[in-house]
C-alpha atoms as a PDB file:
ATOM      1  CA  MET A   1    -124.918 -69.888   1.463  1.00  0.00           C
ATOM      2  CA  ASN A   2    -127.039 -70.885   4.415  1.00  0.00           C
ATOM      3  CA  THR A   3    -130.470 -72.517   3.702  1.00  0.00           C
ATOM      4  CA  PHE A   4    -132.916 -73.355   6.463  1.00  0.00           C
ATOM      5  CA  ASP A   5    -136.376 -74.923   6.602  1.00  0.00           C
ATOM      6  CA  VAL A   6    -139.253 -72.712   7.456  1.00  0.00           C
ATOM      7  CA  THR A   7    -142.692 -74.068   7.322  1.00  0.00           C
ATOM      8  CA  SER A   8    -142.082 -77.581   9.175  1.00  0.00           C
ATOM      9  CA  LYS A   9    -140.600 -75.468  12.182  1.00  0.00           C
ATOM     10  CA  VAL A  10    -143.725 -73.440  13.205  1.00  0.00           C
ATOM     11  CA  SER A  11    -144.411 -73.679  16.553  1.00  0.00           C
ATOM     12  CA  LEU A  12    -147.392 -74.231  18.668  1.00  0.00           C
ATOM     13  CA  SER A  13    -147.486 -70.584  18.843  1.00  0.00           C
ATOM     14  CA  GLY A  14    -148.296 -70.447  15.114  1.00  0.00           C
ATOM     15  CA  GLU A  15    -144.848 -68.636  14.281  1.00  0.00           C
ATOM     16  CA  TYR A  16    -141.300 -69.591  13.526  1.00  0.00           C
ATOM     17  CA  ILE A  17    -138.602 -66.733  13.603  1.00  0.00           C
ATOM     18  CA  PRO A  18    -135.701 -67.287  11.650  1.00  0.00           C
ATOM     19  CA  GLY A  19    -133.078 -64.517  12.512  1.00  0.00           C
ATOM     20  CA  ALA A  20    -129.394 -64.243  13.882  1.00  0.00           C
ATOM     21  CA  GLY A  21    -129.321 -68.055  14.915  1.00  0.00           C
ATOM     22  CA  GLN A  22    -129.651 -68.860  11.352  1.00  0.00           C
ATOM     23  CA  THR A  23    -128.069 -66.252   9.554  1.00  0.00           C
ATOM     24  CA  GLY A  24    -125.438 -64.948  12.097  1.00  0.00           C
ATOM     25  CA  SER A  25    -126.646 -61.239  11.524  1.00  0.00           C
ATOM     26  CA  HIS A  26    -128.835 -59.026  13.478  1.00  0.00           C
ATOM     27  CA  ALA A  27    -129.636 -56.732  10.523  1.00  0.00           C
ATOM     28  CA  CYS A  28    -132.888 -58.336   9.640  1.00  0.00           C
ATOM     29  CA  TYR A  29    -135.287 -61.209  10.580  1.00  0.00           C
ATOM     30  CA  LEU A  30    -138.253 -62.990   9.247  1.00  0.00           C
ATOM     31  CA  ILE A  31    -141.418 -64.336  10.715  1.00  0.00           C
ATOM     32  CA  TYR A  32    -143.520 -67.014   9.259  1.00  0.00           C
ATOM     33  CA  GLY A  33    -146.916 -67.135  10.770  1.00  0.00           C
ATOM     34  CA  VAL A  34    -150.131 -69.327  10.453  1.00  0.00           C
ATOM     35  CA  LEU A  35    -153.326 -68.298  11.738  1.00  0.00           C
ATOM     36  CA  LYS A  36    -155.742 -71.103  12.440  1.00  0.00           C
ATOM     37  CA  ALA A  37    -159.263 -70.826  11.122  1.00  0.00           C
ATOM     38  CA  GLY A  38    -161.314 -68.359  13.564  1.00  0.00           C
ATOM     39  CA  GLU A  39    -158.192 -67.498  15.434  1.00  0.00           C
ATOM     40  CA  ARG A  40    -158.201 -63.841  16.657  1.00  0.00           C
ATOM     41  CA  GLY A  41    -155.971 -61.452  18.327  1.00  0.00           C
ATOM     42  CA  ARG A  42    -152.326 -62.315  17.013  1.00  0.00           C
ATOM     43  CA  VAL A  43    -150.399 -59.210  18.220  1.00  0.00           C
ATOM     44  CA  ILE A  44    -148.235 -57.762  15.673  1.00  0.00           C
ATOM     45  CA  LYS A  45    -145.763 -55.007  16.918  1.00  0.00           C
ATOM     46  CA  PRO A  46    -142.053 -54.014  15.898  1.00  0.00           C
ATOM     47  CA  GLY A  47    -141.335 -52.529  18.976  1.00  0.00           C
ATOM     48  CA  ARG A  48    -138.798 -49.437  19.677  1.00  0.00           C
ATOM     49  CA  GLY A  49    -136.279 -49.085  16.952  1.00  0.00           C
ATOM     50  CA  HIS A  50    -137.683 -51.758  14.515  1.00  0.00           C
ATOM     51  CA  GLU A  51    -139.874 -51.782  11.354  1.00  0.00           C
ATOM     52  CA  GLU A  52    -141.843 -54.586   9.975  1.00  0.00           C
ATOM     53  CA  ILE A  53    -143.793 -55.306   6.809  1.00  0.00           C
ATOM     54  CA  ILE A  54    -146.425 -58.062   6.867  1.00  0.00           C
ATOM     55  CA  LEU A  55    -147.380 -59.875   3.675  1.00  0.00           C
ATOM     56  CA  VAL A  56    -150.457 -62.162   3.468  1.00  0.00           C
ATOM     57  CA  LEU A  57    -149.499 -65.075   1.449  1.00  0.00           C
ATOM     58  CA  ARG A  58    -152.750 -67.289   1.882  1.00  0.00           C
ATOM     59  CA  GLY A  59    -156.119 -66.453   2.884  1.00  0.00           C
ATOM     60  CA  ASP A  60    -157.455 -63.082   4.076  1.00  0.00           C
ATOM     61  CA  ILE A  61    -156.725 -61.445   7.608  1.00  0.00           C
ATOM     62  CA  SER A  62    -158.490 -58.823   9.225  1.00  0.00           C
ATOM     63  CA  SER A  63    -156.409 -56.056  11.325  1.00  0.00           C
ATOM     64  CA  ARG A  64    -157.431 -53.879  14.125  1.00  0.00           C
ATOM     65  CA  GLY A  65    -155.376 -51.155  15.675  1.00  0.00           C
ATOM     66  CA  HIS A  66    -152.762 -48.933  13.957  1.00  0.00           C
ATOM     67  CA  PHE A  67    -154.527 -50.359  10.800  1.00  0.00           C
ATOM     68  CA  THR A  68    -158.240 -51.554  10.707  1.00  0.00           C
ATOM     69  CA  GLY A  69    -159.538 -53.332   7.791  1.00  0.00           C
ATOM     70  CA  ALA A  70    -158.936 -56.394   5.448  1.00  0.00           C
ATOM     71  CA  LEU A  71    -155.539 -57.581   4.294  1.00  0.00           C
ATOM     72  CA  ARG A  72    -156.243 -59.772   1.195  1.00  0.00           C
ATOM     73  CA  GLN A  73    -153.982 -62.352   0.064  1.00  0.00           C
ATOM     74  CA  GLY A  74    -151.000 -60.788  -1.665  1.00  0.00           C
ATOM     75  CA  GLN A  75    -151.533 -57.198   0.386  1.00  0.00           C
ATOM     76  CA  ALA A  76    -148.827 -55.796   2.675  1.00  0.00           C
ATOM     77  CA  LEU A  77    -148.888 -53.525   5.662  1.00  0.00           C
ATOM     78  CA  HIS A  78    -145.900 -51.631   7.057  1.00  0.00           C
ATOM     79  CA  LEU A  79    -145.530 -50.756  10.852  1.00  0.00           C
ATOM     80  CA  ARG A  80    -142.985 -48.873  12.817  1.00  0.00           C
ATOM     81  CA  GLY A  81    -141.973 -49.106  16.219  1.00  0.00           C
ATOM     82  CA  GLU A  82    -144.609 -49.054  18.742  1.00  0.00           C
ATOM     83  CA  GLU A  83    -147.162 -48.968  16.049  1.00  0.00           C
ATOM     84  CA  SER A  84    -149.415 -52.483  16.643  1.00  0.00           C
ATOM     85  CA  CYS A  85    -152.152 -54.307  15.026  1.00  0.00           C
ATOM     86  CA  LEU A  86    -154.066 -57.394  16.241  1.00  0.00           C
ATOM     87  CA  LEU A  87    -154.656 -59.981  13.246  1.00  0.00           C
ATOM     88  CA  ASP A  88    -157.697 -62.140  13.108  1.00  0.00           C
ATOM     89  CA  ASN A  89    -158.434 -64.971  10.694  1.00  0.00           C
ATOM     90  CA  PRO A  90    -162.059 -64.744   9.968  1.00  0.00           C
ATOM     91  CA  GLY A  91    -161.979 -67.766   7.377  1.00  0.00           C
ATOM     92  CA  ASP A  92    -162.413 -71.336   7.443  1.00  0.00           C
ATOM     93  CA  GLY A  93    -159.199 -72.263   6.375  1.00  0.00           C
ATOM     94  CA  GLU A  94    -155.521 -71.372   7.506  1.00  0.00           C
ATOM     95  CA  ALA A  95    -154.116 -67.809   6.749  1.00  0.00           C
ATOM     96  CA  VAL A  96    -150.494 -67.600   6.306  1.00  0.00           C
ATOM     97  CA  HIS A  97    -148.259 -64.415   6.522  1.00  0.00           C
ATOM     98  CA  VAL A  98    -144.720 -63.735   6.627  1.00  0.00           C
ATOM     99  CA  ILE A  99    -143.361 -60.485   8.441  1.00  0.00           C
ATOM    100  CA  ALA A 100    -139.962 -59.076   7.295  1.00  0.00           C
ATOM    101  CA  GLY A 101    -138.269 -56.838   9.933  1.00  0.00           C
ATOM    102  CA  GLY A 102    -135.193 -54.942  10.926  1.00  0.00           C
ATOM    103  CA  HIS A 103    -133.675 -52.011  12.732  1.00  0.00           C
ATOM    104  CA  ALA A 104    -134.943 -48.679  11.606  1.00  0.00           C
ATOM    105  CA  GLU A 105    -132.689 -46.184  10.217  1.00  0.00           C
ATOM    106  CA  GLY A 106    -130.172 -45.000  12.774  1.00  0.00           C
ATOM    107  CA  GLU A 107    -131.034 -47.788  15.110  1.00  0.00           C
ATOM    108  CA  HIS A 108    -129.151 -50.636  16.324  1.00  0.00           C
ATOM    109  CA  HIS A 109    -128.694 -52.941  19.352  1.00  0.00           C
END
């Protein structure tokens, strides 16, 4: 079993993406994201042949685009292919989310 640290590796972009480099598999990936207080416009878009589920772990996030509205702590959103959203953190503390993604049915690289 492989384990890997996630939270300490969040880059200046606010995200860390463990994927094939850590697992040896191209079937799935995970994105750990931190939106700073007041941060706006983080683009979320799975891309052709992919699907993603965004789960808010801490704080509240506002979404604009394919889904427009609030995503509260513990809520999730599913996006397919070219569907996209811009995420904003309207709060005064960090908002943390994870994105689990993989290939859509019948798609592969």
